[in-house]
Amino acid sequence: MTRILHRQIGGKLPIAVGGQGVEIIDQDGRRYIDACGGAAVSCLGHGHPDIIAAISSQAAKMAYAHTGFFTNEPAEELAALLVEKAPSGISHAYFVSGGSEANEAALKMARQYFVEKGEPQRSKIIARRQSYHGNTLGALAAGGNEWRRAQFAPLLVETHHIGPCYAYRYQKPGEGEEEYGLRAANELETKILELGADSVMAFLAEPVVGATAGAVPAVKGYLKRVREICDQYGVLLILDEVMCGMGRTGTLFACEEDDVAPDIVTIAKGLGGGYQPIGAALLSQKIHDAFAHGSGFFQHGHTYIGHPTACAAALAVQKVMERDNLLQNVRDMGEYLRQKLHERFGQNPVIGDIRGRGLFIGIELVSDRETKEPFAPALKLHAAVKREAMARGLMVYPGGGTIDGRRGDHILLAPPFIINREIADEIVSRLDGALSAAVSAASSTG
């Protein structure tokens, strides 16, 4: 009997005992291609000698030093590296233990920034429906994942939501991509004016939406218009790159492709590649200076912020990515994998959309390609695909409620940056078998 409160109570999970390259190995010796990086985490796969050596070396020197008393070398070096490569205006890093903590910190930064500036009336947060920003209460409140929010609604601070930038579902017939992007972005201005321009402190969005909607990228021009609106009304732009950042889309920061610089950008997952729990909120000079010239401190903190071993691991991950030119491999293999998915599934009657950037790919499932009608939620097709994939030695990241929190199914692929064509081909082959079996079972049930 397990003494762990597992995510799914009563289920039986295999025990992972090892990892090698892109595979995880269970206690029975079965190998699984980790085609989703767990949750877009394992960017370098498993057992990388450079990262293991960095962790071992740091742990041998010092396990922990509280940041109220000391800084440490790995944290200082990692911050300098990230700021050097970050979007224009970013000047400092605040290290935490994961994505939820990073977004929680970002929201507090935004609030304190306006308090320090003498604008305490700015407290309202705008985000988007079908977004996900974490499971701590502030991040959950900002997120637009209705299923995750529902039972905790009485505990959540008030936040405000606009529609997602989701071209497959909401671009009108005859409407150009940029035209749609402007229409979607202008919802932000409408919401700001509705709430009162001087009451809004931040707009929070994922440049490429991750788990909730399945690798939905912002269309061309959308984020540029969002940036203009934020600037016009003095609102901070926070970009959540916890899942889509750190190389996952083919650039170190996903917003690079959109040519947009945020006021705060949050990162995690691919920052440390799963070797240690770590995340960060990277903030602009103007926010740092408001703190520095005001109260002189950021009124926030956790025990493990700036953890030296976590920072050493992340630093090693980032150095390996640069040394081995893995961003290029993400771009090349992302294009190859999408091509193979289109070849295999382009005419499949249950595949509505194949989308994403780099090695961050979403596959939306539909019961009718013409009408884009989703499968009945009761079928839980996404979960069936996951089960069938696991039976074939393949890990994919499923999602339900893709459209509105209740209807819609998608599968997310986010394999390690080290994959090659042979592995990509095997991912497509095993996914084909899993999808066919899941749809066949659903058809006989439904």
Protein backbone atom coordinates (compact mmCIF):
# COMPACT_ATOMS: atom_id res chain seq x y z
CA MET A 1 0.00 0.00 0.00
CA THR A 2 1.32 3.43 -0.96
CA ARG A 3 1.54 6.20 1.64
CA ILE A 4 1.73 8.87 -1.07
CA LEU A 5 -1.29 11.01 -1.85
CA HIS A 6 -1.03 10.50 -5.60
CA ARG A 7 -2.63 12.79 -8.16
CA GLN A 8 -5.07 10.02 -9.06
CA ILE A 9 -6.15 8.10 -5.98
CA GLY A 10 -6.59 4.39 -6.52
CA GLY A 11 -4.64 4.25 -9.76
CA LYS A 12 -1.62 2.01 -10.22
CA LEU A 13 1.48 3.72 -11.50
CA PRO A 14 4.64 1.99 -12.67
CA ILE A 15 7.69 2.80 -10.56
CA ALA A 16 10.36 4.74 -12.42
CA VAL A 17 13.81 3.47 -11.46
CA GLY A 18 16.05 4.92 -14.14
CA GLY A 19 16.46 7.24 -17.07
CA GLN A 20 18.77 7.19 -20.05
CA GLY A 21 18.76 9.79 -22.80
CA VAL A 22 15.17 10.29 -23.97
CA GLU A 23 13.85 7.23 -22.14
CA ILE A 24 12.53 6.49 -18.65
CA ILE A 25 12.86 2.91 -17.35
CA ASP A 26 10.41 1.30 -14.92
CA GLN A 27 10.99 -1.40 -12.32
CA ASP A 28 10.11 -4.14 -14.80
CA GLY A 29 12.73 -2.91 -17.25
CA ARG A 30 10.23 -1.38 -19.66
CA ARG A 31 11.43 1.69 -21.51
CA TYR A 32 9.28 4.69 -22.38
CA ILE A 33 10.19 7.41 -24.87
CA ASP A 34 9.54 10.61 -22.96
CA ALA A 35 7.92 12.50 -25.83
CA CYS A 36 6.53 15.17 -23.52
CA GLY A 37 9.50 15.77 -21.24
CA GLY A 38 7.21 14.87 -18.32
CA ALA A 39 5.54 18.27 -18.55
CA ALA A 40 7.92 19.95 -21.00
CA VAL A 41 10.63 19.70 -18.34
CA SER A 42 13.31 17.20 -19.39
CA CYS A 43 14.97 19.26 -22.11
CA LEU A 44 18.28 17.35 -21.93
CA GLY A 45 16.81 13.95 -21.17
CA HIS A 46 18.22 11.81 -18.40
CA GLY A 47 21.69 10.96 -17.13
CA HIS A 48 23.56 13.86 -18.69
CA PRO A 49 27.10 13.66 -17.23
CA ASP A 50 27.75 17.43 -17.22
CA ILE A 51 24.65 18.18 -15.15
CA ILE A 52 25.26 15.32 -12.74
CA ALA A 53 28.83 16.53 -12.25
CA ALA A 54 27.69 20.10 -11.56
CA ILE A 55 25.16 18.95 -8.96
CA SER A 56 27.67 16.65 -7.28
CA SER A 57 30.35 19.32 -7.19
CA GLN A 58 28.08 21.96 -5.66
CA ALA A 59 26.55 19.56 -3.13
CA ALA A 60 30.06 18.61 -2.00
CA LYS A 61 30.93 22.28 -1.44
CA MET A 62 27.76 23.50 0.29
CA ALA A 63 24.22 22.21 0.59
CA TYR A 64 22.33 25.37 1.50
CA ALA A 65 22.79 28.97 2.57
CA HIS A 66 19.79 31.16 3.41
CA THR A 67 19.53 34.18 1.11
CA GLY A 68 18.82 36.43 4.07
CA PHE A 69 22.44 35.89 5.08
CA PHE A 70 24.37 35.05 1.90
CA THR A 71 24.32 35.04 -1.84
CA ASN A 72 26.09 32.20 -3.69
CA GLU A 73 28.23 31.80 -6.78
CA PRO A 74 25.95 29.57 -8.91
CA ALA A 75 22.99 31.91 -8.40
CA GLU A 76 25.04 34.99 -9.27
CA GLU A 77 26.47 33.37 -12.41
CA LEU A 78 23.10 32.01 -13.53
CA ALA A 79 21.44 35.41 -13.06
CA ALA A 80 24.15 37.11 -15.11
CA LEU A 81 23.83 34.54 -17.91
CA LEU A 82 20.03 34.81 -18.08
CA VAL A 83 19.97 38.60 -18.00
CA GLU A 84 22.57 38.75 -20.76
CA LYS A 85 20.33 36.63 -23.01
CA ALA A 86 16.97 37.99 -21.86
CA PRO A 87 14.69 40.36 -23.80
CA SER A 88 15.58 44.05 -23.80
CA GLY A 89 15.11 45.82 -20.47
CA ILE A 90 15.36 42.75 -18.24
CA SER A 91 18.02 43.43 -15.59
CA HIS A 92 17.62 41.07 -12.63
CA ALA A 93 16.54 37.54 -11.71
CA TYR A 94 14.62 36.23 -8.71
CA PHE A 95 15.06 32.47 -8.27
CA VAL A 96 12.35 30.20 -6.87
CA SER A 97 11.60 26.47 -6.94
CA GLY A 98 9.11 26.21 -9.82
CA GLY A 99 6.68 27.81 -12.20
CA SER A 100 3.80 28.46 -9.80
CA GLU A 101 6.18 30.22 -7.41
CA ALA A 102 7.61 32.25 -10.30
CA ASN A 103 4.19 33.54 -11.34
CA GLU A 104 3.18 34.18 -7.74
CA ALA A 105 6.34 36.26 -7.31
CA ALA A 106 5.68 38.11 -10.57
CA LEU A 107 2.21 39.16 -9.45
CA LYS A 108 3.60 40.41 -6.14
CA MET A 109 6.34 42.30 -8.00
CA ALA A 110 3.72 44.00 -10.11
CA ARG A 111 1.67 45.02 -7.09
CA GLN A 112 4.66 46.28 -5.10
CA TYR A 113 5.96 48.19 -8.13
CA PHE A 114 2.83 50.34 -8.22
CA VAL A 115 2.78 50.77 -4.44
CA GLU A 116 6.39 51.99 -4.59
CA LYS A 117 5.46 54.33 -7.45
CA GLY A 118 2.64 55.88 -5.49
CA GLU A 119 -0.15 54.25 -7.51
CA PRO A 120 -1.69 51.88 -4.93
CA GLN A 121 -5.04 51.96 -6.71
CA ARG A 122 -3.57 49.67 -9.38
CA SER A 123 -4.38 46.16 -8.19
CA LYS A 124 -6.35 44.46 -10.97
CA ILE A 125 -4.95 41.56 -12.97
CA ILE A 126 -6.08 40.67 -16.47
CA ALA A 127 -5.27 37.29 -17.99
CA ARG A 128 -6.86 35.04 -20.60
CA ARG A 129 -9.36 32.23 -20.60
CA GLN A 130 -7.83 28.81 -21.29
CA SER A 131 -4.52 29.83 -19.75
CA TYR A 132 -2.60 28.20 -16.93
CA HIS A 133 -0.21 30.00 -14.60
CA GLY A 134 0.18 27.61 -11.68
CA ASN A 135 -1.56 26.09 -8.68
CA THR A 136 -0.72 28.47 -5.83
CA LEU A 137 -3.71 30.65 -5.05
CA GLY A 138 -2.56 33.83 -6.79
CA ALA A 139 -1.35 32.04 -9.89
CA LEU A 140 -4.48 29.88 -9.96
CA ALA A 141 -6.66 32.99 -9.69
CA ALA A 142 -4.89 34.54 -12.67
CA GLY A 143 -5.14 31.38 -14.75
CA GLY A 144 -8.12 30.68 -16.96
CA ASN A 145 -8.26 26.90 -16.52
CA GLU A 146 -11.84 26.59 -15.29
CA TRP A 147 -11.59 22.97 -14.15
CA ARG A 148 -8.61 23.69 -11.92
CA ARG A 149 -10.20 26.87 -10.53
CA ALA A 150 -13.74 25.68 -9.87
CA GLN A 151 -13.69 24.18 -6.38
CA PHE A 152 -11.19 26.75 -5.07
CA ALA A 153 -13.07 29.78 -6.43
CA PRO A 154 -14.08 31.08 -2.97
CA LEU A 155 -10.40 31.29 -2.02
CA LEU A 156 -9.21 33.14 -5.13
CA VAL A 157 -8.60 36.87 -5.44
CA GLU A 158 -10.67 38.59 -8.10
CA THR A 159 -9.07 38.53 -11.54
CA HIS A 160 -10.38 39.39 -14.98
CA HIS A 161 -10.14 37.42 -18.21
CA ILE A 162 -10.32 38.07 -21.93
CA GLY A 163 -10.47 35.58 -24.77
CA PRO A 164 -7.43 33.55 -25.82
CA CYS A 165 -5.50 34.04 -29.04
CA TYR A 166 -6.64 30.72 -30.51
CA ALA A 167 -6.81 30.95 -34.28
CA TYR A 168 -8.03 27.39 -34.93
CA ARG A 169 -11.18 28.09 -32.96
CA TYR A 170 -11.78 31.83 -33.21
CA GLN A 171 -10.33 33.18 -36.45
CA LYS A 172 -13.29 34.03 -38.66
CA PRO A 173 -13.68 32.78 -42.26
CA GLY A 174 -12.00 35.28 -44.58
CA GLU A 175 -10.18 36.97 -41.70
CA GLY A 176 -6.40 37.23 -42.11
CA GLU A 177 -4.09 36.04 -39.36
CA GLU A 178 -2.85 39.51 -38.46
CA GLU A 179 -6.36 40.90 -38.64
CA TYR A 180 -7.51 38.23 -36.19
CA GLY A 181 -4.51 38.91 -33.94
CA LEU A 182 -5.38 42.61 -33.70
CA ARG A 183 -9.01 41.82 -32.96
CA ALA A 184 -8.03 39.38 -30.22
CA ALA A 185 -5.46 41.78 -28.74
CA ASN A 186 -7.89 44.69 -28.72
CA GLU A 187 -10.02 42.78 -26.22
CA LEU A 188 -7.34 43.78 -23.72
CA GLU A 189 -7.93 47.49 -24.32
CA THR A 190 -11.66 47.00 -24.00
CA LYS A 191 -11.22 45.23 -20.67
CA ILE A 192 -8.77 47.85 -19.33
CA LEU A 193 -11.22 50.65 -20.13
CA GLU A 194 -14.09 48.68 -18.63
CA LEU A 195 -12.19 48.20 -15.35
CA GLY A 196 -10.71 51.69 -15.31
CA ALA A 197 -7.32 52.32 -16.85
CA ASP A 198 -5.71 53.51 -13.62
CA SER A 199 -6.85 50.41 -11.69
CA VAL A 200 -5.11 47.72 -13.77
CA MET A 201 -1.62 46.64 -12.74
CA ALA A 202 -0.75 43.76 -15.09
CA PHE A 203 -1.67 41.61 -18.04
CA LEU A 204 -0.39 38.02 -17.76
CA ALA A 205 -0.17 35.70 -20.78
CA GLU A 206 1.69 32.71 -22.22
CA PRO A 207 3.28 33.50 -25.63
CA VAL A 208 2.52 29.89 -26.55
CA VAL A 209 -0.25 28.45 -24.37
CA GLY A 210 0.84 25.17 -22.84
CA ALA A 211 -1.07 22.45 -21.03
CA THR A 212 -4.55 23.98 -20.94
CA ALA A 213 -5.03 24.46 -24.69
CA GLY A 214 -2.16 22.46 -26.22
CA ALA A 215 0.70 24.54 -27.67
CA VAL A 216 -1.39 27.39 -29.09
CA PRO A 217 0.98 30.10 -30.38
CA ALA A 218 0.13 33.77 -30.52
CA VAL A 219 -0.51 34.75 -34.14
CA LYS A 220 1.66 37.34 -35.84
CA GLY A 221 1.14 40.84 -34.47
CA TYR A 222 -0.88 39.81 -31.41
CA LEU A 223 1.76 40.33 -28.73
CA LYS A 224 3.07 43.49 -30.41
CA ARG A 225 -0.39 45.02 -30.14
CA VAL A 226 -0.68 43.79 -26.53
CA ARG A 227 2.63 45.51 -25.73
CA GLU A 228 1.35 48.76 -27.27
CA ILE A 229 -1.84 48.62 -25.22
CA CYS A 230 0.06 47.95 -21.99
CA ASP A 231 2.39 50.87 -22.69
CA GLN A 232 -0.52 53.18 -23.52
CA TYR A 233 -2.28 52.54 -20.23
CA GLY A 234 0.75 52.04 -17.97
CA VAL A 235 0.03 48.35 -17.41
CA LEU A 236 2.85 45.86 -16.80
CA LEU A 237 3.19 43.01 -19.29
CA ILE A 238 4.06 39.69 -17.63
CA LEU A 239 4.86 36.84 -20.01
CA ASP A 240 4.60 33.34 -18.58
CA GLU A 241 7.25 31.23 -20.30
CA VAL A 242 7.33 28.54 -17.64
CA MET A 243 6.42 25.87 -20.18
CA CYS A 244 7.19 27.47 -23.54
CA GLY A 245 10.45 29.21 -22.64
CA MET A 246 14.11 28.25 -22.20
CA GLY A 247 14.49 26.95 -25.75
CA ARG A 248 11.33 24.89 -26.03
CA THR A 249 10.02 26.84 -29.05
CA GLY A 250 13.42 27.17 -30.76
CA THR A 251 14.53 30.46 -29.19
CA LEU A 252 15.72 30.79 -25.61
CA PHE A 253 12.75 33.02 -24.81
CA ALA A 254 9.55 32.33 -26.73
CA CYS A 255 8.74 36.06 -27.02
CA GLU A 256 11.88 36.55 -29.16
CA GLU A 257 9.93 35.25 -32.16
CA ASP A 258 7.23 37.84 -31.49
CA ASP A 259 9.84 40.62 -31.11
CA VAL A 260 8.29 41.71 -27.82
CA ALA A 261 10.01 42.54 -24.52
CA PRO A 262 7.95 42.05 -21.33
CA ASP A 263 8.32 43.86 -18.02
CA ILE A 264 8.54 40.50 -16.24
CA VAL A 265 9.09 37.05 -17.75
CA THR A 266 8.70 33.86 -15.74
CA ILE A 267 10.63 30.67 -16.48
CA ALA A 268 11.04 27.19 -14.95
CA LYS A 269 10.82 23.65 -16.45
CA GLY A 270 13.52 23.85 -19.14
CA LEU A 271 15.60 26.16 -16.94
CA GLY A 272 16.86 23.21 -14.90
CA GLY A 273 15.70 20.40 -17.17
CA GLY A 274 14.25 18.47 -14.23
CA TYR A 275 17.63 17.86 -12.65
CA GLN A 276 16.68 20.16 -9.78
CA PRO A 277 13.47 22.10 -8.94
CA ILE A 278 14.01 25.69 -10.06
CA GLY A 279 12.15 28.62 -11.58
CA ALA A 280 12.68 32.35 -11.88
CA ALA A 281 10.96 35.67 -12.39
CA LEU A 282 13.13 37.96 -14.51
CA LEU A 283 12.30 41.61 -14.01
CA SER A 284 13.01 44.85 -15.82
CA GLN A 285 15.30 47.63 -14.66
CA LYS A 286 12.38 49.97 -13.99
CA ILE A 287 10.81 47.51 -11.54
CA HIS A 288 14.12 46.88 -9.80
CA ASP A 289 14.78 50.61 -9.54
CA ALA A 290 11.33 51.30 -8.06
CA PHE A 291 12.16 48.84 -5.27
CA ALA A 292 15.73 50.08 -4.87
CA HIS A 293 14.76 53.75 -4.65
CA GLY A 294 11.70 53.06 -2.54
CA SER A 295 11.47 50.57 0.33
CA GLY A 296 14.78 48.94 -0.64
CA PHE A 297 13.50 45.38 -0.56
CA PHE A 298 11.07 42.99 -2.26
CA GLN A 299 8.48 41.93 0.30
CA HIS A 300 8.36 38.28 -0.61
CA GLY A 301 10.43 35.14 -0.09
CA HIS A 302 10.63 31.36 0.28
CA THR A 303 13.10 29.19 2.17
CA TYR A 304 14.66 27.71 -0.97
CA ILE A 305 14.98 30.78 -3.21
CA GLY A 306 18.36 30.93 -4.91
CA HIS A 307 19.21 27.38 -3.81
CA PRO A 308 22.88 26.85 -4.76
CA THR A 309 22.56 23.25 -5.99
CA ALA A 310 19.46 24.06 -8.03
CA CYS A 311 21.20 27.09 -9.55
CA ALA A 312 24.33 25.03 -10.29
CA ALA A 313 22.22 22.46 -12.14
CA ALA A 314 20.38 25.11 -14.14
CA LEU A 315 23.61 26.86 -14.99
CA ALA A 316 25.05 23.60 -16.32
CA VAL A 317 21.88 22.95 -18.35
CA GLN A 318 22.09 26.37 -19.99
CA LYS A 319 25.80 25.98 -20.75
CA VAL A 320 25.26 22.57 -22.37
CA MET A 321 22.43 23.97 -24.48
CA GLU A 322 24.69 26.72 -25.77
CA ARG A 323 27.79 24.57 -26.22
CA ASP A 324 25.93 21.86 -28.15
CA ASN A 325 23.89 24.33 -30.22
CA LEU A 326 20.68 22.65 -29.08
CA LEU A 327 18.44 25.56 -30.03
CA GLN A 328 19.24 24.79 -33.65
CA ASN A 329 18.36 21.16 -33.06
CA VAL A 330 15.05 22.24 -31.51
CA ARG A 331 14.26 24.23 -34.64
CA ASP A 332 15.40 21.50 -37.03
CA MET A 333 13.80 18.59 -35.21
CA GLY A 334 10.67 20.58 -34.46
CA GLU A 335 10.19 21.19 -38.16
CA TYR A 336 10.92 17.55 -38.93
CA LEU A 337 8.55 16.21 -36.27
CA ARG A 338 5.71 18.51 -37.36
CA GLN A 339 6.28 17.45 -40.96
CA LYS A 340 6.06 13.77 -40.01
CA LEU A 341 2.94 14.39 -37.94
CA HIS A 342 1.29 16.17 -40.87
CA GLU A 343 2.26 13.32 -43.21
CA ARG A 344 0.86 10.69 -40.86
CA PHE A 345 -2.16 12.53 -39.48
CA GLY A 346 -2.88 15.32 -41.96
CA GLN A 347 -5.89 13.50 -43.36
CA ASN A 348 -6.85 11.66 -40.20
CA PRO A 349 -10.56 12.31 -39.57
CA VAL A 350 -10.06 12.84 -35.82
CA ILE A 351 -7.13 15.29 -36.05
CA GLY A 352 -8.40 18.86 -36.24
CA ASP A 353 -5.18 20.81 -35.81
CA ILE A 354 -1.44 20.26 -35.50
CA ARG A 355 0.23 23.38 -34.13
CA GLY A 356 3.07 24.81 -32.11
CA ARG A 357 6.64 26.03 -32.41
CA GLY A 358 9.93 24.18 -32.13
CA LEU A 359 9.61 21.04 -30.03
CA PHE A 360 6.36 22.26 -28.47
CA ILE A 361 3.55 20.70 -30.47
CA GLY A 362 -0.17 20.33 -29.85
CA ILE A 363 -2.54 17.95 -31.59
CA GLU A 364 -6.23 18.76 -31.19
CA LEU A 365 -8.70 15.89 -31.52
CA VAL A 366 -12.15 16.34 -33.06
CA SER A 367 -15.06 14.08 -33.91
CA ASP A 368 -15.72 16.05 -37.12
CA ARG A 369 -12.99 17.89 -39.04
CA GLU A 370 -15.40 20.03 -41.01
CA THR A 371 -17.38 21.40 -38.07
CA LYS A 372 -14.48 21.08 -35.55
CA GLU A 373 -16.94 19.41 -33.20
CA PRO A 374 -15.07 17.90 -30.24
CA PHE A 375 -15.58 14.43 -28.82
CA ALA A 376 -18.01 14.05 -25.93
CA PRO A 377 -16.21 14.97 -22.69
CA ALA A 378 -17.45 11.78 -21.03
CA LEU A 379 -15.27 9.73 -23.38
CA LYS A 380 -12.10 11.32 -21.96
CA LEU A 381 -10.35 10.56 -25.23
CA HIS A 382 -7.18 12.41 -24.22
CA ALA A 383 -6.77 10.12 -21.22
CA ALA A 384 -7.36 7.05 -23.39
CA VAL A 385 -4.60 8.16 -25.78
CA LYS A 386 -2.23 8.55 -22.83
CA ARG A 387 -3.06 5.03 -21.61
CA GLU A 388 -2.59 3.48 -25.02
CA ALA A 389 0.64 5.40 -25.54
CA MET A 390 2.07 4.18 -22.23
CA ALA A 391 1.18 0.63 -23.24
CA ARG A 392 3.36 1.18 -26.32
CA GLY A 393 6.27 2.68 -24.42
CA LEU A 394 5.47 6.32 -25.20
CA MET A 395 4.79 9.24 -22.89
CA VAL A 396 2.56 12.06 -24.19
CA TYR A 397 0.92 14.87 -22.19
CA PRO A 398 -2.88 14.79 -22.56
CA GLY A 399 -5.36 17.57 -21.93
CA GLY A 400 -9.13 17.79 -21.70
CA GLY A 401 -11.39 20.85 -21.75
CA THR A 402 -9.27 22.38 -24.50
CA ILE A 403 -11.98 24.70 -25.79
CA ASP A 404 -13.74 25.99 -22.69
CA GLY A 405 -12.61 23.95 -19.70
CA ARG A 406 -15.11 21.19 -20.40
CA ARG A 407 -15.14 20.32 -24.11
CA GLY A 408 -12.21 19.35 -26.27
CA ASP A 409 -9.20 17.03 -26.21
CA HIS A 410 -5.58 17.55 -27.16
CA ILE A 411 -2.22 15.83 -26.88
CA LEU A 412 0.95 17.79 -26.14
CA LEU A 413 4.38 16.71 -27.41
CA ALA A 414 7.49 18.30 -25.88
CA PRO A 415 10.38 15.84 -26.28
CA PRO A 416 13.95 16.51 -25.11
CA PHE A 417 16.03 18.87 -27.23
CA ILE A 418 18.47 16.03 -27.97
CA ILE A 419 16.12 13.93 -30.13
CA ASN A 420 17.09 12.87 -33.65
CA ARG A 421 15.10 11.80 -36.70
CA GLU A 422 15.01 8.15 -35.68
CA ILE A 423 13.44 9.02 -32.32
CA ALA A 424 11.00 11.45 -33.96
CA ASP A 425 9.90 8.73 -36.39
CA GLU A 426 9.37 6.31 -33.50
CA ILE A 427 7.30 8.89 -31.60
CA VAL A 428 5.00 9.31 -34.61
CA SER A 429 4.70 5.55 -35.15
CA ARG A 430 3.84 4.77 -31.54
CA LEU A 431 1.44 7.70 -31.32
CA ASP A 432 -0.35 6.44 -34.43
CA GLY A 433 -0.95 3.07 -32.78
CA ALA A 434 -2.08 4.66 -29.53
CA LEU A 435 -4.45 7.07 -31.24
CA SER A 436 -6.01 4.37 -33.40
CA ALA A 437 -6.62 2.12 -30.39
CA ALA A 438 -8.06 4.96 -28.28
CA VAL A 439 -10.41 6.19 -31.02
CA SER A 440 -11.53 2.63 -31.80
CA ALA A 441 -12.41 2.06 -28.13
CA ALA A 442 -14.19 5.42 -27.95
CA SER A 443 -16.21 4.66 -31.10
CA SER A 444 -17.40 1.35 -29.69
CA THR A 445 -18.32 3.07 -26.41
CA GLY A 446 -19.93 6.15 -27.91
